[in-house]
């Protein structure tokens, strides 16, 4: 068997942090003109506000927040372990 040795990039790979952030920023652009509370640089705060404004249901907002913090935790561990700014597992 051949094993794939290509690193899994938690930021840029499909379904990674970048995709999650793009989704949140897109929703901010779509709804932010009418709701100034959506104009924030914080992904988690934006998800909270999108949920409060009912642009996301509670379960979707919860899943996105949990995924975001999961990725951030992995990112921090990778960077501490390697002592460098990287996103590759």
N, C-alpha and C. Protein backbone atom coordinates (compact mmCIF):
# COMPACT_ATOMS: atom_id res chain seq x y z
N UNK A 1 0.83 -1.19 0.00
CA UNK A 1 0.00 0.00 0.00
C UNK A 1 0.87 1.24 0.00
N UNK A 2 0.43 2.21 -0.76
CA UNK A 2 1.11 3.50 -0.75
C UNK A 2 0.31 4.44 0.16
N UNK A 3 1.03 5.14 1.01
CA UNK A 3 0.39 6.09 1.90
C UNK A 3 0.60 7.49 1.37
N UNK A 4 -0.41 8.30 1.51
CA UNK A 4 -0.32 9.70 1.09
C UNK A 4 0.48 10.45 2.15
N UNK A 5 1.62 10.99 1.74
CA UNK A 5 2.47 11.72 2.68
C UNK A 5 2.33 13.22 2.53
N UNK A 6 1.38 13.66 1.71
CA UNK A 6 1.14 15.08 1.56
C UNK A 6 0.56 15.63 2.85
N UNK A 7 1.15 16.70 3.40
CA UNK A 7 0.61 17.26 4.65
C UNK A 7 -0.83 17.73 4.47
N UNK A 8 -1.61 17.60 5.53
CA UNK A 8 -3.00 18.09 5.52
C UNK A 8 -2.96 19.50 6.09
N UNK A 9 -3.28 20.48 5.25
CA UNK A 9 -3.22 21.88 5.65
C UNK A 9 -4.56 22.29 6.24
N UNK A 10 -4.59 22.60 7.53
CA UNK A 10 -5.86 22.90 8.20
C UNK A 10 -6.44 24.25 7.83
N UNK A 11 -5.66 25.10 7.20
CA UNK A 11 -6.16 26.42 6.83
C UNK A 11 -6.64 26.45 5.38
N UNK A 12 -5.84 25.92 4.48
CA UNK A 12 -6.12 26.12 3.06
C UNK A 12 -6.76 24.93 2.36
N UNK A 13 -6.77 23.78 2.97
CA UNK A 13 -7.39 22.61 2.36
C UNK A 13 -8.91 22.75 2.38
N UNK A 14 -9.56 22.15 1.41
CA UNK A 14 -11.03 22.20 1.33
C UNK A 14 -11.64 21.80 2.67
N UNK A 15 -12.51 22.66 3.18
CA UNK A 15 -13.17 22.40 4.46
C UNK A 15 -12.39 22.90 5.66
N UNK A 16 -11.30 23.60 5.43
CA UNK A 16 -10.47 24.10 6.52
C UNK A 16 -10.93 25.45 7.05
N UNK A 17 -10.07 26.05 7.85
CA UNK A 17 -10.40 27.32 8.49
C UNK A 17 -10.76 28.39 7.46
N UNK A 18 -10.03 28.43 6.36
CA UNK A 18 -10.28 29.47 5.34
C UNK A 18 -11.69 29.36 4.79
N UNK A 19 -12.18 28.15 4.53
CA UNK A 19 -13.55 27.98 4.03
C UNK A 19 -14.58 28.43 5.06
N UNK A 20 -14.34 28.10 6.31
CA UNK A 20 -15.24 28.50 7.38
C UNK A 20 -15.28 30.03 7.48
N UNK A 21 -14.12 30.66 7.45
CA UNK A 21 -14.06 32.12 7.52
C UNK A 21 -14.72 32.76 6.31
N UNK A 22 -14.54 32.18 5.13
CA UNK A 22 -15.17 32.71 3.92
C UNK A 22 -16.69 32.66 4.02
N UNK A 23 -17.22 31.56 4.55
CA UNK A 23 -18.66 31.45 4.74
C UNK A 23 -19.17 32.55 5.67
N UNK A 24 -18.50 32.72 6.80
CA UNK A 24 -18.93 33.73 7.77
C UNK A 24 -18.84 35.13 7.17
N UNK A 25 -17.73 35.43 6.49
CA UNK A 25 -17.57 36.76 5.90
C UNK A 25 -18.59 37.02 4.80
N UNK A 26 -18.94 35.98 4.05
CA UNK A 26 -19.97 36.13 3.02
C UNK A 26 -21.32 36.48 3.65
N UNK A 27 -21.66 35.78 4.72
CA UNK A 27 -22.91 36.09 5.41
C UNK A 27 -22.89 37.49 6.02
N UNK A 28 -21.72 37.92 6.49
CA UNK A 28 -21.60 39.29 7.01
C UNK A 28 -21.84 40.30 5.89
N UNK A 29 -21.30 40.04 4.72
CA UNK A 29 -21.50 40.96 3.59
C UNK A 29 -22.96 41.02 3.16
N UNK A 30 -23.57 39.87 3.10
CA UNK A 30 -24.97 39.80 2.66
C UNK A 30 -25.90 40.52 3.63
N UNK A 31 -25.68 40.34 4.93
CA UNK A 31 -26.63 40.85 5.93
C UNK A 31 -26.13 42.05 6.72
N UNK A 32 -24.85 42.41 6.57
CA UNK A 32 -24.25 43.46 7.39
C UNK A 32 -24.75 44.86 7.13
N UNK A 33 -25.28 45.12 5.94
CA UNK A 33 -25.79 46.46 5.65
C UNK A 33 -26.99 46.83 6.50
N UNK A 34 -27.77 45.83 6.86
CA UNK A 34 -28.96 46.08 7.67
C UNK A 34 -28.74 45.82 9.15
N UNK A 35 -27.63 45.17 9.48
CA UNK A 35 -27.36 44.83 10.87
C UNK A 35 -25.90 45.17 11.18
N UNK A 36 -25.69 46.31 11.77
CA UNK A 36 -24.33 46.81 12.04
C UNK A 36 -23.57 45.92 13.03
N UNK A 37 -24.28 45.13 13.85
CA UNK A 37 -23.61 44.23 14.79
C UNK A 37 -22.82 43.14 14.07
N UNK A 38 -23.15 42.89 12.80
CA UNK A 38 -22.43 41.90 12.02
C UNK A 38 -21.08 42.43 11.53
N UNK A 39 -20.86 43.70 11.66
CA UNK A 39 -19.61 44.29 11.21
C UNK A 39 -18.54 44.14 12.29
N UNK A 40 -17.97 42.95 12.35
CA UNK A 40 -16.96 42.63 13.34
C UNK A 40 -15.87 41.79 12.67
N UNK A 41 -14.67 41.88 13.18
CA UNK A 41 -13.57 41.07 12.69
C UNK A 41 -13.49 39.72 13.37
N UNK A 42 -14.31 39.52 14.38
CA UNK A 42 -14.30 38.27 15.13
C UNK A 42 -15.25 37.25 14.50
N UNK A 43 -14.72 36.12 14.09
CA UNK A 43 -15.54 35.07 13.49
C UNK A 43 -16.60 34.59 14.48
N UNK A 44 -16.20 34.37 15.71
CA UNK A 44 -17.14 33.86 16.72
C UNK A 44 -18.22 34.89 17.03
N UNK A 45 -17.84 36.14 17.18
CA UNK A 45 -18.84 37.19 17.42
C UNK A 45 -19.79 37.30 16.24
N UNK A 46 -19.27 37.19 15.03
CA UNK A 46 -20.12 37.24 13.84
C UNK A 46 -21.10 36.07 13.83
N UNK A 47 -20.62 34.88 14.19
CA UNK A 47 -21.52 33.72 14.26
C UNK A 47 -22.61 33.91 15.31
N UNK A 48 -22.24 34.48 16.45
CA UNK A 48 -23.23 34.78 17.49
C UNK A 48 -24.29 35.74 16.96
N UNK A 49 -23.85 36.79 16.29
CA UNK A 49 -24.79 37.79 15.77
C UNK A 49 -25.64 37.22 14.63
N UNK A 50 -25.04 36.39 13.78
CA UNK A 50 -25.81 35.76 12.71
C UNK A 50 -26.90 34.85 13.27
N UNK A 51 -26.58 34.17 14.36
CA UNK A 51 -27.57 33.33 15.02
C UNK A 51 -28.68 34.18 15.65
N UNK A 52 -28.28 35.24 16.37
CA UNK A 52 -29.28 36.11 17.00
C UNK A 52 -30.23 36.73 15.97
N UNK A 53 -29.68 37.07 14.80
CA UNK A 53 -30.50 37.67 13.74
C UNK A 53 -31.24 36.61 12.93
N UNK A 54 -31.08 35.35 13.29
CA UNK A 54 -31.74 34.21 12.65
C UNK A 54 -31.32 34.01 11.19
N UNK A 55 -30.07 34.38 10.89
CA UNK A 55 -29.51 34.08 9.58
C UNK A 55 -28.84 32.71 9.59
N UNK A 56 -28.60 32.18 10.79
CA UNK A 56 -28.11 30.82 11.00
C UNK A 56 -28.95 30.20 12.11
N UNK A 57 -29.27 28.92 11.96
CA UNK A 57 -29.98 28.28 13.07
C UNK A 57 -28.99 27.94 14.17
N UNK A 58 -29.50 27.65 15.34
CA UNK A 58 -28.67 27.42 16.52
C UNK A 58 -27.68 26.28 16.31
N UNK A 59 -28.13 25.18 15.74
CA UNK A 59 -27.24 24.02 15.55
C UNK A 59 -26.11 24.33 14.57
N UNK A 60 -26.43 25.02 13.47
CA UNK A 60 -25.39 25.37 12.49
C UNK A 60 -24.36 26.33 13.10
N UNK A 61 -24.85 27.32 13.84
CA UNK A 61 -23.94 28.26 14.50
C UNK A 61 -23.04 27.53 15.50
N UNK A 62 -23.62 26.63 16.26
CA UNK A 62 -22.85 25.86 17.24
C UNK A 62 -21.80 25.00 16.55
N UNK A 63 -22.18 24.32 15.50
CA UNK A 63 -21.24 23.47 14.76
C UNK A 63 -20.10 24.29 14.17
N UNK A 64 -20.40 25.43 13.60
CA UNK A 64 -19.37 26.29 13.02
C UNK A 64 -18.42 26.82 14.09
N UNK A 65 -18.96 27.23 15.23
CA UNK A 65 -18.09 27.71 16.32
C UNK A 65 -17.20 26.60 16.86
N UNK A 66 -17.77 25.43 17.06
CA UNK A 66 -16.97 24.30 17.55
C UNK A 66 -15.88 23.92 16.55
N UNK A 67 -16.22 23.93 15.28
CA UNK A 67 -15.23 23.62 14.24
C UNK A 67 -14.12 24.67 14.21
N UNK A 68 -14.52 25.93 14.32
CA UNK A 68 -13.54 27.02 14.31
C UNK A 68 -12.55 26.87 15.46
N UNK A 69 -13.05 26.63 16.67
CA UNK A 69 -12.16 26.49 17.83
C UNK A 69 -11.34 25.20 17.76
N UNK A 70 -11.91 24.15 17.19
CA UNK A 70 -11.17 22.92 16.99
C UNK A 70 -9.96 23.16 16.08
N UNK A 71 -10.21 23.82 14.95
CA UNK A 71 -9.12 24.14 14.02
C UNK A 71 -8.09 25.05 14.67
N UNK A 72 -8.52 26.04 15.42
CA UNK A 72 -7.59 26.96 16.08
C UNK A 72 -6.73 26.23 17.11
N UNK A 73 -7.33 25.28 17.82
CA UNK A 73 -6.56 24.52 18.81
C UNK A 73 -5.49 23.68 18.11
N UNK A 74 -5.88 23.03 17.02
CA UNK A 74 -4.90 22.24 16.26
C UNK A 74 -3.80 23.15 15.72
N UNK A 75 -4.21 24.28 15.17
CA UNK A 75 -3.23 25.25 14.64
C UNK A 75 -2.21 25.65 15.71
N UNK A 76 -2.69 25.98 16.89
CA UNK A 76 -1.79 26.38 17.97
C UNK A 76 -0.85 25.25 18.37
N UNK A 77 -1.37 24.03 18.43
CA UNK A 77 -0.52 22.89 18.79
C UNK A 77 0.54 22.62 17.73
N UNK A 78 0.15 22.71 16.46
CA UNK A 78 1.12 22.51 15.37
C UNK A 78 2.22 23.55 15.45
N UNK A 79 1.83 24.79 15.66
CA UNK A 79 2.82 25.87 15.67
C UNK A 79 3.72 25.79 16.90
N UNK A 80 3.19 25.36 18.04
CA UNK A 80 4.03 25.18 19.23
C UNK A 80 5.00 24.02 19.04
N UNK A 81 4.49 22.92 18.50
CA UNK A 81 5.31 21.73 18.29
C UNK A 81 6.46 22.01 17.32
N UNK A 82 6.16 22.71 16.24
CA UNK A 82 7.16 22.97 15.20
C UNK A 82 7.92 24.27 15.41
N UNK A 83 7.47 25.08 16.37
CA UNK A 83 8.06 26.39 16.65
C UNK A 83 8.18 27.23 15.38
N UNK A 84 7.13 27.16 14.59
CA UNK A 84 7.08 27.98 13.37
C UNK A 84 5.62 28.21 12.97
N UNK A 85 5.42 29.20 12.11
CA UNK A 85 4.08 29.55 11.63
C UNK A 85 3.72 28.63 10.47
N UNK A 86 2.97 27.55 10.79
CA UNK A 86 2.59 26.58 9.77
C UNK A 86 1.19 26.07 10.04
N UNK A 87 0.57 25.52 9.01
CA UNK A 87 -0.78 24.97 9.14
C UNK A 87 -0.82 23.51 8.70
N UNK A 88 0.34 22.90 8.48
CA UNK A 88 0.41 21.53 7.96
C UNK A 88 0.47 20.51 9.09
N UNK A 89 -0.39 19.50 8.98
CA UNK A 89 -0.34 18.35 9.90
C UNK A 89 0.63 17.33 9.33
